[in-house]
Amino acid sequence: MDENQLFNEIVKLVRRLASGGDLPKGLTDAPLAATTQLDQLGLDSMAKVSLVSAFDHYLGIYVDAETIPEDESLGALAQRLAKHRK
């Protein structure tokens, strides 16, 4: 899975978690781009942990939530996940 595919998977996970109430509801249909930064998503610490846990559960990629900066873009996050996947 390349970075573009991972970005698309991240967007799907954000929307899935938002529709389930684990992330802010507004994210179910908010415009999300590769340049969207995590701090723009309005995630609290528990929501961030939910998102990172979803990476592990759905994508099989573990990354420590503490190592992801708040101002990281979704595109940069996809790059990070691609590196952890290898």
N, C-alpha and C. Protein backbone atom coordinates (compact mmCIF):
# COMPACT_ATOMS: atom_id res chain seq x y z
N MET A 1 0.85 -1.18 0.00
CA MET A 1 0.00 0.00 0.00
C MET A 1 0.90 1.24 0.00
N ASP A 2 0.69 2.13 -0.98
CA ASP A 2 1.53 3.32 -1.06
C ASP A 2 0.94 4.45 -0.20
N GLU A 3 1.64 5.58 -0.16
CA GLU A 3 1.23 6.70 0.70
C GLU A 3 -0.14 7.25 0.32
N ASN A 4 -0.45 7.30 -0.98
CA ASN A 4 -1.75 7.81 -1.40
C ASN A 4 -2.87 6.88 -0.93
N GLN A 5 -2.64 5.59 -1.04
CA GLN A 5 -3.63 4.63 -0.56
C GLN A 5 -3.78 4.72 0.96
N LEU A 6 -2.66 4.90 1.66
CA LEU A 6 -2.72 5.05 3.11
C LEU A 6 -3.47 6.31 3.50
N PHE A 7 -3.25 7.40 2.77
CA PHE A 7 -4.00 8.63 3.04
C PHE A 7 -5.50 8.35 2.91
N ASN A 8 -5.90 7.69 1.84
CA ASN A 8 -7.31 7.38 1.64
C ASN A 8 -7.86 6.50 2.77
N GLU A 9 -7.04 5.56 3.25
CA GLU A 9 -7.46 4.72 4.37
C GLU A 9 -7.59 5.52 5.66
N ILE A 10 -6.69 6.48 5.86
CA ILE A 10 -6.77 7.35 7.03
C ILE A 10 -8.09 8.12 7.00
N VAL A 11 -8.43 8.68 5.85
CA VAL A 11 -9.68 9.43 5.71
C VAL A 11 -10.87 8.52 6.02
N LYS A 12 -10.86 7.30 5.50
CA LYS A 12 -11.95 6.36 5.77
C LYS A 12 -12.06 6.06 7.26
N LEU A 13 -10.91 5.88 7.92
CA LEU A 13 -10.92 5.59 9.35
C LEU A 13 -11.43 6.78 10.15
N VAL A 14 -11.01 7.99 9.78
CA VAL A 14 -11.49 9.19 10.47
C VAL A 14 -13.01 9.25 10.36
N ARG A 15 -13.54 9.04 9.18
CA ARG A 15 -14.99 9.09 8.96
C ARG A 15 -15.71 7.97 9.72
N ARG A 16 -15.15 6.77 9.71
CA ARG A 16 -15.75 5.64 10.43
C ARG A 16 -15.79 5.92 11.94
N LEU A 17 -14.67 6.38 12.47
CA LEU A 17 -14.62 6.66 13.90
C LEU A 17 -15.51 7.83 14.29
N ALA A 18 -15.62 8.82 13.41
CA ALA A 18 -16.51 9.96 13.68
C ALA A 18 -17.97 9.51 13.68
N SER A 19 -18.33 8.66 12.74
CA SER A 19 -19.72 8.20 12.69
C SER A 19 -20.06 7.32 13.88
N GLY A 20 -19.05 6.68 14.46
CA GLY A 20 -19.25 5.86 15.65
C GLY A 20 -19.14 6.62 16.96
N GLY A 21 -18.81 7.91 16.89
CA GLY A 21 -18.73 8.72 18.10
C GLY A 21 -17.37 8.76 18.77
N ASP A 22 -16.37 8.09 18.18
CA ASP A 22 -15.03 8.10 18.78
C ASP A 22 -14.24 9.35 18.42
N LEU A 23 -14.62 10.01 17.34
CA LEU A 23 -14.02 11.28 16.92
C LEU A 23 -15.17 12.28 16.77
N PRO A 24 -14.85 13.58 16.71
CA PRO A 24 -15.92 14.58 16.56
C PRO A 24 -16.82 14.27 15.36
N LYS A 25 -18.14 14.35 15.58
CA LYS A 25 -19.14 14.00 14.56
C LYS A 25 -18.96 14.79 13.27
N GLY A 26 -18.50 16.03 13.36
CA GLY A 26 -18.35 16.87 12.18
C GLY A 26 -17.36 16.31 11.17
N LEU A 27 -16.54 15.37 11.58
CA LEU A 27 -15.55 14.80 10.68
C LEU A 27 -16.13 13.76 9.72
N THR A 28 -17.39 13.38 9.92
CA THR A 28 -17.98 12.38 9.02
C THR A 28 -18.08 12.89 7.60
N ASP A 29 -18.24 14.21 7.45
CA ASP A 29 -18.34 14.76 6.09
C ASP A 29 -17.49 16.01 5.88
N ALA A 30 -16.57 16.27 6.79
CA ALA A 30 -15.68 17.43 6.66
C ALA A 30 -14.70 17.20 5.51
N PRO A 31 -14.34 18.26 4.79
CA PRO A 31 -13.32 18.09 3.75
C PRO A 31 -11.97 17.79 4.40
N LEU A 32 -11.37 16.69 4.00
CA LEU A 32 -10.07 16.29 4.53
C LEU A 32 -9.09 16.17 3.38
N ALA A 33 -8.00 16.90 3.47
CA ALA A 33 -6.98 16.90 2.42
C ALA A 33 -5.66 16.43 3.02
N ALA A 34 -4.72 16.14 2.16
CA ALA A 34 -3.39 15.73 2.63
C ALA A 34 -2.74 16.83 3.46
N THR A 35 -3.15 18.07 3.25
CA THR A 35 -2.57 19.19 3.99
C THR A 35 -3.31 19.48 5.31
N THR A 36 -4.43 18.79 5.55
CA THR A 36 -5.16 18.98 6.80
C THR A 36 -4.30 18.50 7.96
N GLN A 37 -4.15 19.36 8.96
CA GLN A 37 -3.32 19.01 10.11
C GLN A 37 -4.18 18.37 11.20
N LEU A 38 -3.57 17.49 11.96
CA LEU A 38 -4.28 16.80 13.03
C LEU A 38 -4.93 17.77 14.00
N ASP A 39 -4.25 18.87 14.32
CA ASP A 39 -4.83 19.81 15.27
C ASP A 39 -6.07 20.51 14.71
N GLN A 40 -6.29 20.44 13.41
CA GLN A 40 -7.50 21.00 12.81
C GLN A 40 -8.69 20.07 12.94
N LEU A 41 -8.45 18.83 13.34
CA LEU A 41 -9.52 17.85 13.47
C LEU A 41 -10.27 17.95 14.79
N GLY A 42 -9.71 18.69 15.74
CA GLY A 42 -10.36 18.86 17.03
C GLY A 42 -10.33 17.61 17.90
N LEU A 43 -9.25 16.85 17.80
CA LEU A 43 -9.13 15.61 18.57
C LEU A 43 -8.62 15.89 19.97
N ASP A 44 -9.27 15.30 20.96
CA ASP A 44 -8.70 15.33 22.30
C ASP A 44 -7.75 14.12 22.41
N SER A 45 -7.14 13.95 23.56
CA SER A 45 -6.15 12.89 23.69
C SER A 45 -6.77 11.50 23.51
N MET A 46 -7.98 11.31 23.99
CA MET A 46 -8.64 10.01 23.83
C MET A 46 -8.99 9.73 22.37
N ALA A 47 -9.41 10.76 21.66
CA ALA A 47 -9.74 10.58 20.24
C ALA A 47 -8.49 10.25 19.45
N LYS A 48 -7.37 10.88 19.80
CA LYS A 48 -6.11 10.59 19.11
C LYS A 48 -5.69 9.14 19.35
N VAL A 49 -5.87 8.67 20.57
CA VAL A 49 -5.55 7.27 20.88
C VAL A 49 -6.48 6.35 20.10
N SER A 50 -7.76 6.71 19.98
CA SER A 50 -8.70 5.89 19.19
C SER A 50 -8.25 5.80 17.74
N LEU A 51 -7.81 6.92 17.19
CA LEU A 51 -7.36 6.94 15.80
C LEU A 51 -6.12 6.06 15.62
N VAL A 52 -5.16 6.21 16.50
CA VAL A 52 -3.93 5.43 16.41
C VAL A 52 -4.22 3.94 16.62
N SER A 53 -5.14 3.63 17.52
CA SER A 53 -5.54 2.23 17.73
C SER A 53 -6.18 1.66 16.47
N ALA A 54 -6.94 2.49 15.76
CA ALA A 54 -7.57 2.05 14.51
C ALA A 54 -6.52 1.75 13.45
N PHE A 55 -5.42 2.50 13.45
CA PHE A 55 -4.33 2.20 12.50
C PHE A 55 -3.84 0.78 12.73
N ASP A 56 -3.67 0.44 13.99
CA ASP A 56 -3.18 -0.89 14.33
C ASP A 56 -4.23 -1.96 13.99
N HIS A 57 -5.46 -1.72 14.39
CA HIS A 57 -6.53 -2.70 14.20
C HIS A 57 -6.89 -2.91 12.73
N TYR A 58 -7.10 -1.84 12.00
CA TYR A 58 -7.59 -1.95 10.62
C TYR A 58 -6.48 -2.04 9.57
N LEU A 59 -5.34 -1.42 9.86
CA LEU A 59 -4.26 -1.39 8.87
C LEU A 59 -3.08 -2.27 9.25
N GLY A 60 -3.05 -2.72 10.50
CA GLY A 60 -1.93 -3.54 10.96
C GLY A 60 -0.65 -2.75 11.13
N ILE A 61 -0.80 -1.44 11.40
CA ILE A 61 0.37 -0.58 11.56
C ILE A 61 0.34 0.04 12.95
N TYR A 62 1.34 -0.28 13.76
CA TYR A 62 1.43 0.29 15.10
C TYR A 62 2.32 1.52 15.06
N VAL A 63 1.83 2.59 15.65
CA VAL A 63 2.63 3.78 15.85
C VAL A 63 2.22 4.37 17.21
N ASP A 64 3.18 4.83 17.96
CA ASP A 64 2.93 5.41 19.28
C ASP A 64 2.29 6.79 19.12
N ALA A 65 1.15 7.00 19.73
CA ALA A 65 0.44 8.27 19.63
C ALA A 65 1.29 9.45 20.10
N GLU A 66 2.15 9.20 21.06
CA GLU A 66 2.99 10.27 21.61
C GLU A 66 4.02 10.78 20.61
N THR A 67 4.32 10.00 19.59
CA THR A 67 5.34 10.41 18.62
C THR A 67 4.76 11.21 17.45
N ILE A 68 3.44 11.36 17.43
CA ILE A 68 2.80 12.08 16.32
C ILE A 68 2.53 13.52 16.75
N PRO A 69 3.19 14.49 16.10
CA PRO A 69 2.99 15.89 16.48
C PRO A 69 1.57 16.36 16.13
N GLU A 70 1.04 17.26 16.93
CA GLU A 70 -0.30 17.79 16.71
C GLU A 70 -0.43 18.51 15.37
N ASP A 71 0.67 19.11 14.90
CA ASP A 71 0.60 19.89 13.66
C ASP A 71 0.97 19.06 12.43
N GLU A 72 1.05 17.75 12.60
CA GLU A 72 1.38 16.89 11.45
C GLU A 72 0.17 16.84 10.51
N SER A 73 0.44 16.90 9.22
CA SER A 73 -0.65 16.83 8.23
C SER A 73 -1.04 15.37 8.01
N LEU A 74 -2.22 15.17 7.47
CA LEU A 74 -2.66 13.81 7.16
C LEU A 74 -1.75 13.17 6.11
N GLY A 75 -1.24 13.97 5.18
CA GLY A 75 -0.30 13.46 4.18
C GLY A 75 1.00 13.00 4.82
N ALA A 76 1.52 13.79 5.76
CA ALA A 76 2.75 13.40 6.46
C ALA A 76 2.50 12.18 7.33
N LEU A 77 1.30 12.08 7.89
CA LEU A 77 0.94 10.92 8.68
C LEU A 77 0.92 9.67 7.80
N ALA A 78 0.40 9.79 6.60
CA ALA A 78 0.41 8.67 5.65
C ALA A 78 1.85 8.24 5.35
N GLN A 79 2.74 9.20 5.19
CA GLN A 79 4.15 8.88 4.96
C GLN A 79 4.74 8.14 6.16
N ARG A 80 4.40 8.61 7.35
CA ARG A 80 4.88 7.97 8.58
C ARG A 80 4.39 6.52 8.66
N LEU A 81 3.11 6.31 8.36
CA LEU A 81 2.55 4.96 8.41
C LEU A 81 3.20 4.06 7.36
N ALA A 82 3.48 4.63 6.20
CA ALA A 82 4.13 3.84 5.13
C ALA A 82 5.50 3.36 5.61
N LYS A 83 6.23 4.20 6.33
CA LYS A 83 7.54 3.81 6.85
C LYS A 83 7.42 2.72 7.91
N HIS A 84 6.37 2.82 8.76
CA HIS A 84 6.18 1.82 9.82
C HIS A 84 5.69 0.49 9.25
N ARG A 85 5.10 0.55 8.09
CA ARG A 85 4.55 -0.66 7.47
C ARG A 85 5.64 -1.55 6.92
N LYS A 86 6.75 -0.96 6.51
CA LYS A 86 7.82 -1.72 5.85
C LYS A 86 8.56 -2.62 6.80
